[in-house]
Amino acid sequence: MEGEGGVERSNHEAPNPTSPTSHTAPTQFQHDFKLQIEEGANMSNHVYKTTEVVGSSQESVEDAVKRAVARTGKTVRNMRWLEVKEIRGHIDNQELAHWQVTVKIGFTIED
């Protein structure tokens, strides 16, 4: 079976983890998007509290994450990092209707 880029792969080989339809996408996504919101923040000297929210988007997983962060930012201050916990898709009429992404957001506690 010919895979992406003309490379041969067997039926038992895992699909490309960066593919949005791949069953391994959450692991790659967690790796790629487990990032700090504030660039250059030193995480070692802080105490964090976390909250989990679910963002949704008809466009993409990344857009769902951005929506979750933007909406959370309206009521939570000092957000510093995020971790994608789960990715789901809602199916309607045999087609993908929208993405749902559970995001754990860490924020520093004010003194």
N, C-alpha and C. Protein backbone atom coordinates (compact mmCIF):
# COMPACT_ATOMS: atom_id res chain seq x y z
N MET A 1 0.85 -1.19 0.00
CA MET A 1 0.00 0.00 0.00
C MET A 1 0.89 1.24 0.00
N GLU A 2 0.61 2.19 -0.87
CA GLU A 2 1.43 3.38 -0.96
C GLU A 2 0.91 4.44 0.00
N GLY A 3 1.78 4.95 0.86
CA GLY A 3 1.41 5.97 1.84
C GLY A 3 1.75 7.35 1.34
N GLU A 4 1.83 8.28 2.24
CA GLU A 4 2.13 9.66 1.89
C GLU A 4 3.54 9.78 1.34
N GLY A 5 3.72 10.64 0.36
CA GLY A 5 5.02 10.87 -0.22
C GLY A 5 5.52 9.70 -1.05
N GLY A 6 4.62 8.80 -1.46
CA GLY A 6 4.99 7.67 -2.28
C GLY A 6 5.72 6.57 -1.53
N VAL A 7 5.78 6.62 -0.21
CA VAL A 7 6.47 5.63 0.59
C VAL A 7 5.55 4.44 0.82
N GLU A 8 6.09 3.25 0.64
CA GLU A 8 5.30 2.04 0.86
C GLU A 8 5.06 1.86 2.36
N ARG A 9 3.84 1.46 2.72
CA ARG A 9 3.57 1.08 4.11
C ARG A 9 2.54 -0.02 4.11
N SER A 10 2.64 -0.88 5.09
CA SER A 10 1.73 -2.01 5.18
C SER A 10 0.41 -1.57 5.76
N ASN A 11 -0.58 -2.45 5.69
CA ASN A 11 -1.90 -2.15 6.26
C ASN A 11 -1.84 -2.05 7.78
N HIS A 12 -0.79 -2.59 8.40
CA HIS A 12 -0.69 -2.61 9.86
C HIS A 12 0.16 -1.48 10.41
N GLU A 13 0.78 -0.73 9.56
CA GLU A 13 1.62 0.38 10.00
C GLU A 13 0.75 1.55 10.42
N ALA A 14 1.16 2.24 11.46
CA ALA A 14 0.40 3.38 11.96
C ALA A 14 0.38 4.49 10.92
N PRO A 15 -0.76 5.18 10.77
CA PRO A 15 -0.83 6.30 9.84
C PRO A 15 -0.03 7.48 10.33
N ASN A 16 0.12 8.47 9.47
CA ASN A 16 0.86 9.68 9.80
C ASN A 16 0.22 10.36 11.02
N PRO A 17 0.97 10.53 12.14
CA PRO A 17 0.37 11.10 13.35
C PRO A 17 0.02 12.58 13.22
N THR A 18 0.49 13.26 12.19
CA THR A 18 0.14 14.67 12.03
C THR A 18 -1.15 14.84 11.24
N SER A 19 -1.67 13.76 10.71
CA SER A 19 -2.92 13.81 9.96
C SER A 19 -4.08 14.08 10.91
N PRO A 20 -4.95 15.05 10.60
CA PRO A 20 -6.05 15.36 11.51
C PRO A 20 -7.05 14.22 11.64
N THR A 21 -7.05 13.27 10.72
CA THR A 21 -7.99 12.16 10.80
C THR A 21 -7.36 10.92 11.41
N SER A 22 -6.09 10.99 11.76
CA SER A 22 -5.37 9.85 12.30
C SER A 22 -5.81 9.57 13.73
N HIS A 23 -5.92 8.28 14.07
CA HIS A 23 -6.28 7.93 15.44
C HIS A 23 -5.15 8.23 16.41
N THR A 24 -3.95 8.49 15.93
CA THR A 24 -2.82 8.84 16.79
C THR A 24 -2.63 10.35 16.90
N ALA A 25 -3.49 11.14 16.28
CA ALA A 25 -3.34 12.59 16.27
C ALA A 25 -3.28 13.21 17.66
N PRO A 26 -4.06 12.76 18.67
CA PRO A 26 -3.97 13.41 19.98
C PRO A 26 -2.57 13.39 20.57
N THR A 27 -1.84 12.28 20.41
CA THR A 27 -0.50 12.21 20.96
C THR A 27 0.41 13.22 20.29
N GLN A 28 0.40 13.27 18.98
CA GLN A 28 1.22 14.25 18.25
C GLN A 28 0.77 15.66 18.59
N PHE A 29 -0.53 15.88 18.66
CA PHE A 29 -1.05 17.20 18.97
C PHE A 29 -0.62 17.62 20.37
N GLN A 30 -0.71 16.69 21.33
CA GLN A 30 -0.29 17.01 22.68
C GLN A 30 1.17 17.40 22.70
N HIS A 31 1.98 16.69 21.96
CA HIS A 31 3.41 17.00 21.91
C HIS A 31 3.65 18.36 21.27
N ASP A 32 2.99 18.63 20.16
CA ASP A 32 3.21 19.87 19.42
C ASP A 32 2.64 21.10 20.11
N PHE A 33 1.53 20.93 20.81
CA PHE A 33 0.84 22.10 21.35
C PHE A 33 0.88 22.21 22.86
N LYS A 34 1.65 21.35 23.53
CA LYS A 34 1.85 21.53 24.97
C LYS A 34 2.89 22.64 25.09
N LEU A 35 2.43 23.83 25.16
CA LEU A 35 3.31 24.99 25.11
C LEU A 35 2.93 26.00 26.17
N GLN A 36 3.82 26.92 26.36
CA GLN A 36 3.55 28.01 27.29
C GLN A 36 2.91 29.14 26.52
N ILE A 37 1.88 29.74 27.11
CA ILE A 37 1.21 30.86 26.47
C ILE A 37 2.11 32.09 26.52
N GLU A 38 2.78 32.29 27.62
CA GLU A 38 3.68 33.43 27.74
C GLU A 38 5.09 32.97 27.39
N GLU A 39 5.61 33.44 26.28
CA GLU A 39 6.90 33.01 25.80
C GLU A 39 7.99 33.41 26.79
N GLY A 40 8.85 32.46 27.09
CA GLY A 40 9.99 32.72 27.96
C GLY A 40 9.66 32.66 29.44
N ALA A 41 8.46 32.27 29.83
CA ALA A 41 8.11 32.20 31.25
C ALA A 41 8.90 31.08 31.92
N ASN A 42 9.40 31.34 33.13
CA ASN A 42 10.12 30.33 33.89
C ASN A 42 9.12 29.57 34.74
N MET A 43 8.85 28.32 34.38
CA MET A 43 7.84 27.55 35.07
C MET A 43 8.32 26.99 36.40
N SER A 44 9.63 26.97 36.65
CA SER A 44 10.17 26.28 37.82
C SER A 44 9.89 26.99 39.14
N ASN A 45 9.63 28.29 39.15
CA ASN A 45 9.48 29.03 40.40
C ASN A 45 8.05 29.47 40.67
N HIS A 46 7.09 28.83 40.06
CA HIS A 46 5.70 29.23 40.23
C HIS A 46 4.85 28.10 40.80
N VAL A 47 3.73 28.48 41.37
CA VAL A 47 2.70 27.52 41.77
C VAL A 47 1.55 27.73 40.81
N TYR A 48 1.04 26.65 40.24
CA TYR A 48 -0.01 26.73 39.25
C TYR A 48 -1.29 26.10 39.73
N LYS A 49 -2.38 26.64 39.27
CA LYS A 49 -3.70 26.03 39.42
C LYS A 49 -4.11 25.69 37.99
N THR A 50 -4.93 24.66 37.83
CA THR A 50 -5.35 24.28 36.49
C THR A 50 -6.87 24.24 36.39
N THR A 51 -7.33 24.39 35.18
CA THR A 51 -8.74 24.24 34.88
C THR A 51 -8.85 23.50 33.55
N GLU A 52 -9.91 22.73 33.38
CA GLU A 52 -10.13 22.05 32.11
C GLU A 52 -11.37 22.62 31.44
N VAL A 53 -11.24 22.90 30.16
CA VAL A 53 -12.33 23.43 29.37
C VAL A 53 -12.39 22.65 28.05
N VAL A 54 -13.52 22.72 27.38
CA VAL A 54 -13.67 22.07 26.08
C VAL A 54 -14.01 23.14 25.05
N GLY A 55 -13.14 23.27 24.06
CA GLY A 55 -13.38 24.19 22.95
C GLY A 55 -13.91 23.40 21.77
N SER A 56 -14.68 24.05 20.93
CA SER A 56 -15.20 23.37 19.74
C SER A 56 -15.05 24.27 18.52
N SER A 57 -14.96 23.64 17.36
CA SER A 57 -14.80 24.37 16.11
C SER A 57 -15.23 23.49 14.95
N GLN A 58 -15.85 24.10 13.97
CA GLN A 58 -16.17 23.40 12.73
C GLN A 58 -14.98 23.39 11.80
N GLU A 59 -13.97 24.22 12.08
CA GLU A 59 -12.83 24.39 11.19
C GLU A 59 -11.71 23.38 11.42
N SER A 60 -11.18 23.34 12.67
CA SER A 60 -10.02 22.49 12.94
C SER A 60 -9.84 22.27 14.44
N VAL A 61 -8.97 21.32 14.76
CA VAL A 61 -8.61 21.07 16.15
C VAL A 61 -7.89 22.29 16.71
N GLU A 62 -6.96 22.84 15.96
CA GLU A 62 -6.22 24.01 16.42
C GLU A 62 -7.15 25.19 16.71
N ASP A 63 -8.14 25.39 15.87
CA ASP A 63 -9.11 26.47 16.09
C ASP A 63 -9.91 26.22 17.36
N ALA A 64 -10.25 24.97 17.63
CA ALA A 64 -10.98 24.63 18.87
C ALA A 64 -10.13 24.97 20.09
N VAL A 65 -8.83 24.68 20.03
CA VAL A 65 -7.92 25.02 21.13
C VAL A 65 -7.85 26.53 21.30
N LYS A 66 -7.69 27.25 20.22
CA LYS A 66 -7.62 28.72 20.30
C LYS A 66 -8.89 29.31 20.88
N ARG A 67 -10.03 28.76 20.52
CA ARG A 67 -11.31 29.24 21.08
C ARG A 67 -11.39 28.97 22.58
N ALA A 68 -10.93 27.80 23.00
CA ALA A 68 -10.94 27.45 24.43
C ALA A 68 -10.06 28.41 25.22
N VAL A 69 -8.87 28.70 24.70
CA VAL A 69 -7.95 29.61 25.38
C VAL A 69 -8.51 31.03 25.41
N ALA A 70 -9.04 31.49 24.29
CA ALA A 70 -9.57 32.85 24.21
C ALA A 70 -10.74 33.05 25.17
N ARG A 71 -11.63 32.08 25.20
CA ARG A 71 -12.80 32.22 26.08
C ARG A 71 -12.40 32.13 27.55
N THR A 72 -11.49 31.23 27.88
CA THR A 72 -11.02 31.11 29.26
C THR A 72 -10.31 32.38 29.69
N GLY A 73 -9.59 33.01 28.78
CA GLY A 73 -8.87 34.23 29.08
C GLY A 73 -9.77 35.40 29.47
N LYS A 74 -11.05 35.30 29.19
CA LYS A 74 -11.98 36.37 29.59
C LYS A 74 -12.24 36.38 31.09
N THR A 75 -12.03 35.23 31.75
CA THR A 75 -12.31 35.15 33.19
C THR A 75 -11.13 34.66 34.02
N VAL A 76 -10.09 34.15 33.39
CA VAL A 76 -8.93 33.63 34.12
C VAL A 76 -7.71 34.47 33.76
N ARG A 77 -7.02 34.97 34.78
CA ARG A 77 -5.80 35.75 34.56
C ARG A 77 -4.57 34.85 34.71
N ASN A 78 -3.46 35.34 34.21
CA ASN A 78 -2.15 34.71 34.40
C ASN A 78 -2.04 33.31 33.80
N MET A 79 -2.72 33.07 32.67
CA MET A 79 -2.59 31.78 32.00
C MET A 79 -1.16 31.64 31.50
N ARG A 80 -0.56 30.46 31.70
CA ARG A 80 0.84 30.26 31.33
C ARG A 80 1.08 29.10 30.38
N TRP A 81 0.29 28.04 30.44
CA TRP A 81 0.53 26.87 29.59
C TRP A 81 -0.77 26.12 29.36
N LEU A 82 -0.73 25.24 28.37
CA LEU A 82 -1.89 24.38 28.12
C LEU A 82 -1.44 22.98 27.75
N GLU A 83 -2.34 22.05 27.92
CA GLU A 83 -2.11 20.66 27.53
C GLU A 83 -3.41 20.13 26.92
N VAL A 84 -3.31 19.57 25.75
CA VAL A 84 -4.49 18.97 25.12
C VAL A 84 -4.70 17.61 25.75
N LYS A 85 -5.85 17.40 26.36
CA LYS A 85 -6.16 16.15 27.05
C LYS A 85 -6.91 15.17 26.16
N GLU A 86 -7.79 15.68 25.32
CA GLU A 86 -8.64 14.78 24.53
C GLU A 86 -9.13 15.50 23.28
N ILE A 87 -9.22 14.76 22.20
CA ILE A 87 -9.78 15.30 20.95
C ILE A 87 -10.92 14.39 20.53
N ARG A 88 -12.07 15.00 20.27
CA ARG A 88 -13.25 14.27 19.79
C ARG A 88 -13.79 14.98 18.56
N GLY A 89 -14.51 14.24 17.76
CA GLY A 89 -15.21 14.83 16.64
C GLY A 89 -16.68 14.47 16.72
N HIS A 90 -17.54 15.41 16.41
CA HIS A 90 -18.98 15.17 16.38
C HIS A 90 -19.37 14.84 14.94
N ILE A 91 -20.08 13.73 14.77
CA ILE A 91 -20.48 13.30 13.43
C ILE A 91 -21.97 13.55 13.26
N ASP A 92 -22.33 14.17 12.15
CA ASP A 92 -23.73 14.45 11.82
C ASP A 92 -23.94 14.09 10.35
N ASN A 93 -24.94 13.28 10.08
CA ASN A 93 -25.23 12.84 8.70
C ASN A 93 -24.01 12.24 8.02
N GLN A 94 -23.31 11.37 8.74
CA GLN A 94 -22.15 10.64 8.22
C GLN A 94 -20.97 11.54 7.86
N GLU A 95 -20.94 12.76 8.38
CA GLU A 95 -19.83 13.68 8.13
C GLU A 95 -19.38 14.34 9.43
N LEU A 96 -18.13 14.72 9.45
CA LEU A 96 -17.60 15.45 10.60
C LEU A 96 -18.28 16.81 10.69
N ALA A 97 -18.96 17.07 11.81
CA ALA A 97 -19.66 18.34 11.99
C ALA A 97 -18.76 19.37 12.69
N HIS A 98 -18.07 18.93 13.75
CA HIS A 98 -17.15 19.82 14.43
C HIS A 98 -16.22 19.03 15.35
N TRP A 99 -15.12 19.68 15.72
CA TRP A 99 -14.15 19.14 16.65
C TRP A 99 -14.46 19.61 18.05
N GLN A 100 -14.20 18.76 19.03
CA GLN A 100 -14.29 19.12 20.45
C GLN A 100 -12.96 18.74 21.09
N VAL A 101 -12.30 19.72 21.72
CA VAL A 101 -10.98 19.49 22.29
C VAL A 101 -10.98 19.87 23.77
N THR A 102 -10.64 18.90 24.62
CA THR A 102 -10.52 19.17 26.05
C THR A 102 -9.12 19.69 26.30
N VAL A 103 -9.04 20.87 26.92
CA VAL A 103 -7.76 21.55 27.14
C VAL A 103 -7.60 21.82 28.63
N LYS A 104 -6.46 21.41 29.16
CA LYS A 104 -6.10 21.74 30.55
C LYS A 104 -5.23 22.97 30.49
N ILE A 105 -5.64 24.03 31.17
CA ILE A 105 -4.92 25.31 31.16
C ILE A 105 -4.35 25.57 32.55
N GLY A 106 -3.06 25.88 32.59
CA GLY A 106 -2.40 26.21 33.86
C GLY A 106 -2.24 27.71 33.98
N PHE A 107 -2.47 28.21 35.18
CA PHE A 107 -2.30 29.64 35.44
C PHE A 107 -1.69 29.83 36.81
N THR A 108 -0.92 30.89 36.94
CA THR A 108 -0.26 31.15 38.22
C THR A 108 -1.26 31.78 39.18
N ILE A 109 -1.04 31.47 40.46
CA ILE A 109 -1.89 32.00 41.52
C ILE A 109 -1.33 33.35 41.94
N GLU A 110 -2.21 34.34 42.07
CA GLU A 110 -1.77 35.67 42.50
C GLU A 110 -1.42 35.67 43.97
N ASP A 111 -0.45 36.51 44.34
CA ASP A 111 -0.07 36.66 45.75
C ASP A 111 -1.11 37.42 46.51
